[in-house]
């Protein structure tokens, strides 16, 4: 269930509420009892942690380019210089 942040324009009371997406939005302030209690636009409440696909593939951004291939072919690498995808 998502967590929604609400704020009252009358008294300034602010609180997070755990609600189903299908629930009606709250409209009465639990602090002062006036109507106008409304959802606020806020950041998502989750953080990706650990060593899964996100941390290893995307978190660091673009990786630096691979080192340039050798200029002279090497017999051990089949003459391609080792810079191709076949090795």
PDB file of N, CA and C in Angstrom:
ATOM      1  N   UNK A   1       0.844  -1.190   0.000  1.00  0.00           N
ATOM      2  CA  UNK A   1       0.000   0.000   0.000  1.00  0.00           C
ATOM      3  C   UNK A   1       0.883   1.244   0.000  1.00  0.00           C
ATOM      4  N   UNK A   2       0.500   2.224  -0.780  1.00  0.00           N
ATOM      5  CA  UNK A   2       1.282   3.461  -0.824  1.00  0.00           C
ATOM      6  C   UNK A   2       1.092   4.324   0.419  1.00  0.00           C
ATOM      7  N   UNK A   3       2.090   5.139   0.669  1.00  0.00           N
ATOM      8  CA  UNK A   3       2.032   6.106   1.764  1.00  0.00           C
ATOM      9  C   UNK A   3       1.828   7.480   1.141  1.00  0.00           C
ATOM     10  N   UNK A   4       0.773   8.164   1.568  1.00  0.00           N
ATOM     11  CA  UNK A   4       0.473   9.499   1.057  1.00  0.00           C
ATOM     12  C   UNK A   4       0.724  10.533   2.144  1.00  0.00           C
ATOM     13  N   UNK A   5       1.256  11.663   1.739  1.00  0.00           N
ATOM     14  CA  UNK A   5       1.515  12.764   2.662  1.00  0.00           C
ATOM     15  C   UNK A   5       0.399  13.792   2.506  1.00  0.00           C
ATOM     16  N   UNK A   6      -0.199  14.172   3.629  1.00  0.00           N
ATOM     17  CA  UNK A   6      -1.285  15.146   3.640  1.00  0.00           C
ATOM     18  C   UNK A   6      -0.877  16.376   4.435  1.00  0.00           C
ATOM     19  N   UNK A   7      -1.507  17.506   4.119  1.00  0.00           N
ATOM     20  CA  UNK A   7      -1.247  18.755   4.845  1.00  0.00           C
ATOM     21  C   UNK A   7      -2.532  19.553   4.935  1.00  0.00           C
ATOM     22  N   UNK A   8      -2.728  20.177   6.100  1.00  0.00           N
ATOM     23  CA  UNK A   8      -3.892  21.024   6.322  1.00  0.00           C
ATOM     24  C   UNK A   8      -3.509  22.484   6.045  1.00  0.00           C
ATOM     25  N   UNK A   9      -4.257  23.172   5.173  1.00  0.00           N
ATOM     26  CA  UNK A   9      -3.934  24.570   4.892  1.00  0.00           C
ATOM     27  C   UNK A   9      -4.326  25.508   6.031  1.00  0.00           C
ATOM     28  N   UNK A  10      -5.253  25.076   6.896  1.00  0.00           N
ATOM     29  CA  UNK A  10      -5.703  25.932   7.999  1.00  0.00           C
ATOM     30  C   UNK A  10      -4.710  25.987   9.156  1.00  0.00           C
ATOM     31  N   UNK A  11      -4.298  24.808   9.638  1.00  0.00           N
ATOM     32  CA  UNK A  11      -3.431  24.778  10.821  1.00  0.00           C
ATOM     33  C   UNK A  11      -1.996  24.366  10.508  1.00  0.00           C
ATOM     34  N   UNK A  12      -1.742  23.877   9.282  1.00  0.00           N
ATOM     35  CA  UNK A  12      -0.385  23.477   8.911  1.00  0.00           C
ATOM     36  C   UNK A  12      -0.016  22.068   9.327  1.00  0.00           C
ATOM     37  N   UNK A  13      -0.968  21.335   9.925  1.00  0.00           N
ATOM     38  CA  UNK A  13      -0.708  19.958  10.348  1.00  0.00           C
ATOM     39  C   UNK A  13      -0.350  19.113   9.128  1.00  0.00           C
ATOM     40  N   UNK A  14       0.690  18.280   9.266  1.00  0.00           N
ATOM     41  CA  UNK A  14       1.166  17.454   8.168  1.00  0.00           C
ATOM     42  C   UNK A  14       1.432  16.050   8.680  1.00  0.00           C
ATOM     43  N   UNK A  15       0.978  15.037   7.927  1.00  0.00           N
ATOM     44  CA  UNK A  15       1.151  13.655   8.361  1.00  0.00           C
ATOM     45  C   UNK A  15       1.109  12.716   7.158  1.00  0.00           C
ATOM     46  N   UNK A  16       1.798  11.576   7.277  1.00  0.00           N
ATOM     47  CA  UNK A  16       1.761  10.534   6.250  1.00  0.00           C
ATOM     48  C   UNK A  16       0.696   9.515   6.631  1.00  0.00           C
ATOM     49  N   UNK A  17      -0.055   9.041   5.638  1.00  0.00           N
ATOM     50  CA  UNK A  17      -1.118   8.061   5.861  1.00  0.00           C
ATOM     51  C   UNK A  17      -0.934   6.891   4.899  1.00  0.00           C
ATOM     52  N   UNK A  18      -1.029   5.676   5.427  1.00  0.00           N
ATOM     53  CA  UNK A  18      -0.955   4.465   4.633  1.00  0.00           C
ATOM     54  C   UNK A  18      -2.364   4.166   4.130  1.00  0.00           C
ATOM     55  N   UNK A  19      -2.559   4.189   2.808  1.00  0.00           N
ATOM     56  CA  UNK A  19      -3.879   3.985   2.225  1.00  0.00           C
ATOM     57  C   UNK A  19      -3.790   3.108   0.987  1.00  0.00           C
ATOM     58  N   UNK A  20      -4.883   2.411   0.699  1.00  0.00           N
ATOM     59  CA  UNK A  20      -4.987   1.683  -0.554  1.00  0.00           C
ATOM     60  C   UNK A  20      -5.176   2.702  -1.663  1.00  0.00           C
ATOM     61  N   UNK A  21      -4.781   2.341  -2.869  1.00  0.00           N
ATOM     62  CA  UNK A  21      -4.958   3.250  -3.998  1.00  0.00           C
ATOM     63  C   UNK A  21      -6.446   3.471  -4.283  1.00  0.00           C
ATOM     64  N   UNK A  22      -7.278   2.497  -3.924  1.00  0.00           N
ATOM     65  CA  UNK A  22      -8.715   2.608  -4.176  1.00  0.00           C
ATOM     66  C   UNK A  22      -9.453   3.392  -3.083  1.00  0.00           C
ATOM     67  N   UNK A  23      -8.780   3.705  -1.961  1.00  0.00           N
ATOM     68  CA  UNK A  23      -9.420   4.473  -0.879  1.00  0.00           C
ATOM     69  C   UNK A  23      -9.680   5.908  -1.313  1.00  0.00           C
ATOM     70  N   UNK A  24     -10.761   6.469  -0.810  1.00  0.00           N
ATOM     71  CA  UNK A  24     -11.062   7.881  -1.056  1.00  0.00           C
ATOM     72  C   UNK A  24     -10.016   8.741  -0.345  1.00  0.00           C
ATOM     73  N   UNK A  25      -9.606   9.851  -0.939  1.00  0.00           N
ATOM     74  CA  UNK A  25      -8.651  10.738  -0.265  1.00  0.00           C
ATOM     75  C   UNK A  25      -9.250  11.319   1.017  1.00  0.00           C
ATOM     76  N   UNK A  26      -8.412  11.546   2.013  1.00  0.00           N
ATOM     77  CA  UNK A  26      -8.875  12.156   3.259  1.00  0.00           C
ATOM     78  C   UNK A  26      -9.160  13.628   2.996  1.00  0.00           C
ATOM     79  N   UNK A  27     -10.135  14.182   3.720  1.00  0.00           N
ATOM     80  CA  UNK A  27     -10.465  15.596   3.506  1.00  0.00           C
ATOM     81  C   UNK A  27     -10.602  16.375   4.804  1.00  0.00           C
ATOM     82  N   UNK A  28     -10.735  15.674   5.949  1.00  0.00           N
ATOM     83  CA  UNK A  28     -10.886  16.343   7.241  1.00  0.00           C
ATOM     84  C   UNK A  28      -9.581  16.235   8.015  1.00  0.00           C
ATOM     85  N   UNK A  29      -9.075  17.364   8.479  1.00  0.00           N
ATOM     86  CA  UNK A  29      -7.829  17.404   9.237  1.00  0.00           C
ATOM     87  C   UNK A  29      -8.016  16.719  10.592  1.00  0.00           C
ATOM     88  N   UNK A  30      -7.152  15.745  10.931  1.00  0.00           N
ATOM     89  CA  UNK A  30      -7.267  15.081  12.229  1.00  0.00           C
ATOM     90  C   UNK A  30      -6.866  15.984  13.400  1.00  0.00           C
ATOM     91  N   UNK A  31      -6.188  17.086  13.121  1.00  0.00           N
ATOM     92  CA  UNK A  31      -5.739  17.989  14.180  1.00  0.00           C
ATOM     93  C   UNK A  31      -6.788  19.042  14.535  1.00  0.00           C
ATOM     94  N   UNK A  32      -7.276  19.761  13.508  1.00  0.00           N
ATOM     95  CA  UNK A  32      -8.205  20.864  13.790  1.00  0.00           C
ATOM     96  C   UNK A  32      -9.637  20.585  13.348  1.00  0.00           C
ATOM     97  N   UNK A  33      -9.858  19.530  12.556  1.00  0.00           N
ATOM     98  CA  UNK A  33     -11.204  19.147  12.161  1.00  0.00           C
ATOM     99  C   UNK A  33     -11.769  19.902  10.963  1.00  0.00           C
ATOM    100  N   UNK A  34     -11.021  20.802  10.362  1.00  0.00           N
ATOM    101  CA  UNK A  34     -11.527  21.537   9.206  1.00  0.00           C
ATOM    102  C   UNK A  34     -11.358  20.712   7.936  1.00  0.00           C
ATOM    103  N   UNK A  35     -12.154  21.050   6.924  1.00  0.00           N
ATOM    104  CA  UNK A  35     -11.994  20.383   5.639  1.00  0.00           C
ATOM    105  C   UNK A  35     -10.893  21.093   4.849  1.00  0.00           C
ATOM    106  N   UNK A  36     -10.385  20.405   3.862  1.00  0.00           N
ATOM    107  CA  UNK A  36      -9.303  20.988   3.074  1.00  0.00           C
ATOM    108  C   UNK A  36      -8.005  20.219   3.233  1.00  0.00           C
ATOM    109  N   UNK A  37      -7.991  19.207   4.108  1.00  0.00           N
ATOM    110  CA  UNK A  37      -6.828  18.331   4.294  1.00  0.00           C
ATOM    111  C   UNK A  37      -6.550  17.685   2.939  1.00  0.00           C
ATOM    112  N   UNK A  38      -5.386  17.902   2.354  1.00  0.00           N
ATOM    113  CA  UNK A  38      -5.126  17.456   0.985  1.00  0.00           C
ATOM    114  C   UNK A  38      -3.796  16.744   0.830  1.00  0.00           C
ATOM    115  N   UNK A  39      -3.743  15.845  -0.167  1.00  0.00           N
ATOM    116  CA  UNK A  39      -2.509  15.132  -0.505  1.00  0.00           C
ATOM    117  C   UNK A  39      -1.474  16.109  -1.025  1.00  0.00           C
ATOM    118  N   UNK A  40      -0.234  15.823  -0.676  1.00  0.00           N
ATOM    119  CA  UNK A  40       0.888  16.629  -1.156  1.00  0.00           C
ATOM    120  C   UNK A  40       1.667  15.823  -2.183  1.00  0.00           C
ATOM    121  N   UNK A  41       2.322  16.501  -3.082  1.00  0.00           N
ATOM    122  CA  UNK A  41       3.195  15.856  -4.038  1.00  0.00           C
ATOM    123  C   UNK A  41       4.542  15.651  -3.342  1.00  0.00           C
ATOM    124  N   UNK A  42       4.981  14.397  -3.245  1.00  0.00           N
ATOM    125  CA  UNK A  42       6.245  14.126  -2.558  1.00  0.00           C
ATOM    126  C   UNK A  42       7.014  13.043  -3.299  1.00  0.00           C
ATOM    127  N   UNK A  43       8.259  12.859  -2.927  1.00  0.00           N
ATOM    128  CA  UNK A  43       9.138  11.866  -3.557  1.00  0.00           C
ATOM    129  C   UNK A  43       8.709  10.462  -3.179  1.00  0.00           C
ATOM    130  N   UNK A  44       9.063   9.519  -4.031  1.00  0.00           N
ATOM    131  CA  UNK A  44       8.769   8.116  -3.755  1.00  0.00           C
ATOM    132  C   UNK A  44       9.479   7.677  -2.482  1.00  0.00           C
ATOM    133  N   UNK A  45       8.840   6.827  -1.714  1.00  0.00           N
ATOM    134  CA  UNK A  45       9.395   6.402  -0.434  1.00  0.00           C
ATOM    135  C   UNK A  45      10.102   5.074  -0.472  1.00  0.00           C
ATOM    136  N   UNK A  46      10.992   4.872  -1.435  1.00  0.00           N
ATOM    137  CA  UNK A  46      11.774   3.642  -1.448  1.00  0.00           C
ATOM    138  C   UNK A  46      13.191   3.942  -1.908  1.00  0.00           C
ATOM    139  N   UNK A  47      14.077   3.031  -1.568  1.00  0.00           N
ATOM    140  CA  UNK A  47      15.474   3.203  -1.935  1.00  0.00           C
ATOM    141  C   UNK A  47      16.010   1.844  -2.355  1.00  0.00           C
ATOM    142  N   UNK A  48      16.716   1.804  -3.468  1.00  0.00           N
ATOM    143  CA  UNK A  48      17.295   0.556  -3.943  1.00  0.00           C
ATOM    144  C   UNK A  48      18.658   0.369  -3.288  1.00  0.00           C
ATOM    145  N   UNK A  49      18.815  -0.762  -2.587  1.00  0.00           N
ATOM    146  CA  UNK A  49      20.056  -1.054  -1.877  1.00  0.00           C
ATOM    147  C   UNK A  49      20.546  -2.439  -2.261  1.00  0.00           C
ATOM    148  N   UNK A  50      21.759  -2.749  -1.881  1.00  0.00           N
ATOM    149  CA  UNK A  50      22.284  -4.083  -2.084  1.00  0.00           C
ATOM    150  C   UNK A  50      23.160  -4.191  -3.312  1.00  0.00           C
ATOM    151  N   UNK A  51      23.390  -5.424  -3.742  1.00  0.00           N
ATOM    152  CA  UNK A  51      24.291  -5.658  -4.865  1.00  0.00           C
ATOM    153  C   UNK A  51      23.554  -6.285  -6.038  1.00  0.00           C
ATOM    154  N   UNK A  52      22.274  -6.031  -6.173  1.00  0.00           N
ATOM    155  CA  UNK A  52      21.489  -6.591  -7.270  1.00  0.00           C
ATOM    156  C   UNK A  52      21.759  -5.891  -8.585  1.00  0.00           C
ATOM    157  N   UNK A  53      20.904  -6.143  -9.559  1.00  0.00           N
ATOM    158  CA  UNK A  53      21.094  -5.614 -10.911  1.00  0.00           C
ATOM    159  C   UNK A  53      21.184  -4.101 -10.944  1.00  0.00           C
ATOM    160  N   UNK A  54      20.447  -3.406 -10.077  1.00  0.00           N
ATOM    161  CA  UNK A  54      20.472  -1.945 -10.094  1.00  0.00           C
ATOM    162  C   UNK A  54      21.856  -1.422  -9.735  1.00  0.00           C
ATOM    163  N   UNK A  55      22.429  -1.937  -8.651  1.00  0.00           N
ATOM    164  CA  UNK A  55      23.729  -1.451  -8.179  1.00  0.00           C
ATOM    165  C   UNK A  55      24.843  -1.807  -9.150  1.00  0.00           C
ATOM    166  N   UNK A  56      24.761  -2.964  -9.773  1.00  0.00           N
ATOM    167  CA  UNK A  56      25.847  -3.394 -10.642  1.00  0.00           C
ATOM    168  C   UNK A  56      25.716  -2.872 -12.068  1.00  0.00           C
ATOM    169  N   UNK A  57      24.483  -2.648 -12.544  1.00  0.00           N
ATOM    170  CA  UNK A  57      24.302  -2.280 -13.947  1.00  0.00           C
ATOM    171  C   UNK A  57      23.959  -0.816 -14.191  1.00  0.00           C
ATOM    172  N   UNK A  58      23.282  -0.150 -13.248  1.00  0.00           N
ATOM    173  CA  UNK A  58      22.790   1.193 -13.514  1.00  0.00           C
ATOM    174  C   UNK A  58      23.227   2.266 -12.526  1.00  0.00           C
ATOM    175  N   UNK A  59      23.425   1.922 -11.286  1.00  0.00           N
ATOM    176  CA  UNK A  59      23.653   2.915 -10.242  1.00  0.00           C
ATOM    177  C   UNK A  59      24.849   3.820 -10.523  1.00  0.00           C
ATOM    178  N   UNK A  60      25.950   3.268 -11.038  1.00  0.00           N
ATOM    179  CA  UNK A  60      27.165   4.044 -11.261  1.00  0.00           C
ATOM    180  C   UNK A  60      27.146   4.877 -12.526  1.00  0.00           C
ATOM    181  N   UNK A  61      26.106   4.762 -13.316  1.00  0.00           N
ATOM    182  CA  UNK A  61      26.057   5.512 -14.565  1.00  0.00           C
ATOM    183  C   UNK A  61      26.900   4.827 -15.618  1.00  0.00           C
ATOM    184  N   UNK A  62      27.261   5.553 -16.639  1.00  0.00           N
ATOM    185  CA  UNK A  62      28.031   4.994 -17.747  1.00  0.00           C
ATOM    186  C   UNK A  62      29.452   4.685 -17.287  1.00  0.00           C
ATOM    187  N   UNK A  63      29.923   3.549 -17.673  1.00  0.00           N
ATOM    188  CA  UNK A  63      31.292   3.149 -17.346  1.00  0.00           C
ATOM    189  C   UNK A  63      32.241   3.759 -18.367  1.00  0.00           C
ATOM    190  N   UNK A  64      33.506   3.892 -17.994  1.00  0.00           N
ATOM    191  CA  UNK A  64      34.487   4.425 -18.932  1.00  0.00           C
ATOM    192  C   UNK A  64      34.738   3.396 -20.038  1.00  0.00           C
ATOM    193  N   UNK A  65      35.184   3.851 -21.188  1.00  0.00           N
ATOM    194  CA  UNK A  65      35.411   2.977 -22.330  1.00  0.00           C
ATOM    195  C   UNK A  65      36.523   1.987 -22.027  1.00  0.00           C
ATOM    196  N   UNK A  66      36.471   0.843 -22.698  1.00  0.00           N
ATOM    197  CA  UNK A  66      37.503  -0.179 -22.522  1.00  0.00           C
ATOM    198  C   UNK A  66      38.820   0.344 -23.084  1.00  0.00           C
ATOM    199  N   UNK A  67      39.955  -0.130 -22.568  1.00  0.00           N
ATOM    200  CA  UNK A  67      41.245   0.320 -23.100  1.00  0.00           C
ATOM    201  C   UNK A  67      41.357  -0.017 -24.579  1.00  0.00           C
ATOM    202  N   UNK A  68      42.108   0.790 -25.296  1.00  0.00           N
ATOM    203  CA  UNK A  68      42.280   0.594 -26.738  1.00  0.00           C
ATOM    204  C   UNK A  68      42.955  -0.740 -27.011  1.00  0.00           C
ATOM    205  N   UNK A  69      42.628  -1.337 -28.156  1.00  0.00           N
ATOM    206  CA  UNK A  69      43.212  -2.621 -28.549  1.00  0.00           C
ATOM    207  C   UNK A  69      44.686  -2.434 -28.896  1.00  0.00           C
ATOM    208  N   UNK A  70      45.432  -3.515 -28.827  1.00  0.00           N
ATOM    209  CA  UNK A  70      46.843  -3.461 -29.177  1.00  0.00           C
ATOM    210  C   UNK A  70      46.986  -3.109 -30.656  1.00  0.00           C
ATOM    211  N   UNK A  71      48.022  -2.398 -30.996  1.00  0.00           N
ATOM    212  CA  UNK A  71      48.202  -1.986 -32.388  1.00  0.00           C
ATOM    213  C   UNK A  71      48.789  -3.100 -33.242  1.00  0.00           C
ATOM    214  N   UNK A  72      49.569  -4.016 -32.641  1.00  0.00           N
ATOM    215  CA  UNK A  72      50.145  -5.118 -33.408  1.00  0.00           C
ATOM    216  C   UNK A  72      49.436  -6.400 -33.003  1.00  0.00           C
ATOM    217  N   UNK A  73      49.068  -7.216 -33.967  1.00  0.00           N
ATOM    218  CA  UNK A  73      48.377  -8.466 -33.654  1.00  0.00           C
ATOM    219  C   UNK A  73      49.263  -9.412 -32.855  1.00  0.00           C
ATOM    220  N   UNK A  74      48.666 -10.123 -31.942  1.00  0.00           N
ATOM    221  CA  UNK A  74      49.383 -11.082 -31.117  1.00  0.00           C
ATOM    222  C   UNK A  74      48.996 -12.484 -31.549  1.00  0.00           C
ATOM    223  N   UNK A  75      49.970 -13.392 -31.688  1.00  0.00           N
ATOM    224  CA  UNK A  75      49.627 -14.756 -32.096  1.00  0.00           C
ATOM    225  C   UNK A  75      48.738 -15.461 -31.079  1.00  0.00           C
ATOM    226  N   UNK A  76      48.831 -15.107 -29.815  1.00  0.00           N
ATOM    227  CA  UNK A  76      48.034 -15.768 -28.782  1.00  0.00           C
ATOM    228  C   UNK A  76      46.569 -15.400 -28.876  1.00  0.00           C
ATOM    229  N   UNK A  77      46.239 -14.273 -29.488  1.00  0.00           N
ATOM    230  CA  UNK A  77      44.841 -13.853 -29.558  1.00  0.00           C
ATOM    231  C   UNK A  77      44.268 -14.045 -30.955  1.00  0.00           C
ATOM    232  N   UNK A  78      44.951 -14.777 -31.802  1.00  0.00           N
ATOM    233  CA  UNK A  78      44.421 -15.052 -33.117  1.00  0.00           C
ATOM    234  C   UNK A  78      44.526 -13.885 -34.071  1.00  0.00           C
ATOM    235  N   UNK A  79      45.394 -12.928 -33.807  1.00  0.00           N
ATOM    236  CA  UNK A  79      45.600 -11.825 -34.721  1.00  0.00           C
ATOM    237  C   UNK A  79      44.588 -10.690 -34.619  1.00  0.00           C
ATOM    238  N   UNK A  80      43.662 -10.742 -33.679  1.00  0.00           N
ATOM    239  CA  UNK A  80      42.660  -9.673 -33.589  1.00  0.00           C
ATOM    240  C   UNK A  80      43.077  -8.607 -32.570  1.00  0.00           C
ATOM    241  N   UNK A  81      44.113  -8.843 -31.819  1.00  0.00           N
ATOM    242  CA  UNK A  81      44.591  -7.850 -30.855  1.00  0.00           C
ATOM    243  C   UNK A  81      43.884  -7.918 -29.517  1.00  0.00           C
ATOM    244  N   UNK A  82      42.933  -8.805 -29.359  1.00  0.00           N
ATOM    245  CA  UNK A  82      42.245  -8.951 -28.084  1.00  0.00           C
ATOM    246  C   UNK A  82      41.188  -7.907 -27.802  1.00  0.00           C
ATOM    247  N   UNK A  83      40.969  -6.970 -28.730  1.00  0.00           N
ATOM    248  CA  UNK A  83      39.999  -5.911 -28.510  1.00  0.00           C
ATOM    249  C   UNK A  83      38.614  -6.244 -29.049  1.00  0.00           C
ATOM    250  N   UNK A  84      38.423  -7.440 -29.570  1.00  0.00           N
ATOM    251  CA  UNK A  84      37.121  -7.793 -30.135  1.00  0.00           C
ATOM    252  C   UNK A  84      36.307  -8.593 -29.117  1.00  0.00           C
ATOM    253  N   UNK A  85      35.083  -8.898 -29.467  1.00  0.00           N
ATOM    254  CA  UNK A  85      34.191  -9.614 -28.555  1.00  0.00           C
ATOM    255  C   UNK A  85      34.405 -11.129 -28.586  1.00  0.00           C
ATOM    256  N   UNK A  86      35.294 -11.620 -29.447  1.00  0.00           N
ATOM    257  CA  UNK A  86      35.488 -13.072 -29.534  1.00  0.00           C
ATOM    258  C   UNK A  86      36.373 -13.623 -28.414  1.00  0.00           C
ATOM    259  N   UNK A  87      36.971 -12.767 -27.602  1.00  0.00           N
ATOM    260  CA  UNK A  87      37.858 -13.248 -26.537  1.00  0.00           C
ATOM    261  C   UNK A  87      37.353 -12.886 -25.184  1.00  0.00           C
TER     262      UNK A  87
END
